Amino acid sequence: RERVVKASRDITSNSKKVIFQVHRMSKDNREEVLKKAEKYLVAVTEQYVARLIKELAGTDFWKLRRAYSP
């Protein structure tokens, strides 16, 4: 359960980083900000979501339903 909670927190943290990066965008630094935001987004999808999927594979949904949130 703790591994699922940790993965969920990592996903939330990196998703917030993506949002904050996009909020910092201006005409001058658009490309740089988009590259950083894309880096965080790739980390979320490839590392953390994949880890969460592996943890949840083959488990009972009701057992871990409160350990993560959409």
Protein backbone atom coordinates (compact mmCIF):
# COMPACT_ATOMS: atom_id res chain seq x y z
CA ARG A 1 0.00 0.00 0.00
CA GLU A 2 2.80 2.43 0.83
CA ARG A 3 4.40 1.92 -2.58
CA VAL A 4 1.10 2.81 -4.25
CA VAL A 5 0.76 5.92 -2.08
CA LYS A 6 4.34 6.95 -2.90
CA ALA A 7 3.77 6.47 -6.65
CA SER A 8 0.57 8.51 -6.44
CA ARG A 9 2.37 11.33 -4.63
CA ASP A 10 5.18 11.31 -7.21
CA ILE A 11 2.64 11.56 -10.03
CA THR A 12 0.91 14.48 -8.33
CA SER A 13 4.19 16.27 -7.62
CA ASN A 14 5.51 15.98 -11.16
CA SER A 15 2.14 16.89 -12.65
CA LYS A 16 2.20 20.09 -10.60
CA LYS A 17 5.69 20.82 -11.90
CA VAL A 18 4.36 20.57 -15.46
CA ILE A 19 1.53 22.97 -14.68
CA PHE A 20 3.83 25.46 -12.95
CA GLN A 21 6.29 25.34 -15.85
CA VAL A 22 3.54 26.18 -18.32
CA HIS A 23 2.38 29.07 -16.11
CA ARG A 24 5.90 30.56 -16.26
CA MET A 25 5.87 30.68 -20.05
CA SER A 26 6.28 33.97 -21.89
CA LYS A 27 7.24 35.00 -25.41
CA ASP A 28 10.94 35.00 -24.57
CA ASN A 29 11.30 31.62 -22.90
CA ARG A 30 8.63 29.56 -24.61
CA GLU A 31 10.87 26.83 -26.07
CA GLU A 32 12.87 26.39 -22.86
CA VAL A 33 9.74 26.14 -20.70
CA LEU A 34 8.08 23.68 -23.05
CA LYS A 35 11.18 21.46 -23.03
CA LYS A 36 11.24 21.39 -19.22
CA ALA A 37 7.49 20.74 -19.03
CA GLU A 38 7.81 17.93 -21.56
CA LYS A 39 10.64 16.39 -19.51
CA TYR A 40 8.46 16.32 -16.40
CA LEU A 41 5.50 14.96 -18.35
CA VAL A 42 7.59 12.14 -19.80
CA ALA A 43 8.81 11.30 -16.28
CA VAL A 44 5.22 11.11 -15.08
CA THR A 45 4.01 8.85 -17.86
CA GLU A 46 7.02 6.57 -18.26
CA GLN A 47 8.29 6.22 -14.71
CA TYR A 48 5.56 6.88 -12.19
CA VAL A 49 2.41 5.77 -13.98
CA ALA A 50 4.19 2.64 -15.18
CA ARG A 51 5.27 1.91 -11.60
CA LEU A 52 1.72 2.43 -10.35
CA ILE A 53 0.34 0.10 -13.03
CA LYS A 54 2.82 -2.61 -12.01
CA GLU A 55 1.84 -2.24 -8.37
CA LEU A 56 -1.87 -2.47 -9.14
CA ALA A 57 -1.63 -5.39 -11.56
CA GLY A 58 -3.29 -8.46 -10.14
CA THR A 59 -4.45 -6.81 -6.91
CA ASP A 60 -7.93 -6.46 -5.55
CA PHE A 61 -9.32 -3.02 -6.40
CA TRP A 62 -11.12 -2.67 -3.08
CA LYS A 63 -7.96 -3.36 -1.13
CA LEU A 64 -6.08 -0.32 -2.49
CA ARG A 65 -8.91 1.98 -3.59
CA ARG A 66 -7.97 4.79 -1.16
CA ALA A 67 -4.21 4.58 -1.70
CA TYR A 68 -4.37 6.57 -4.95
CA SER A 69 -6.71 8.99 -6.64
CA PRO A 70 -7.30 10.00 -10.25
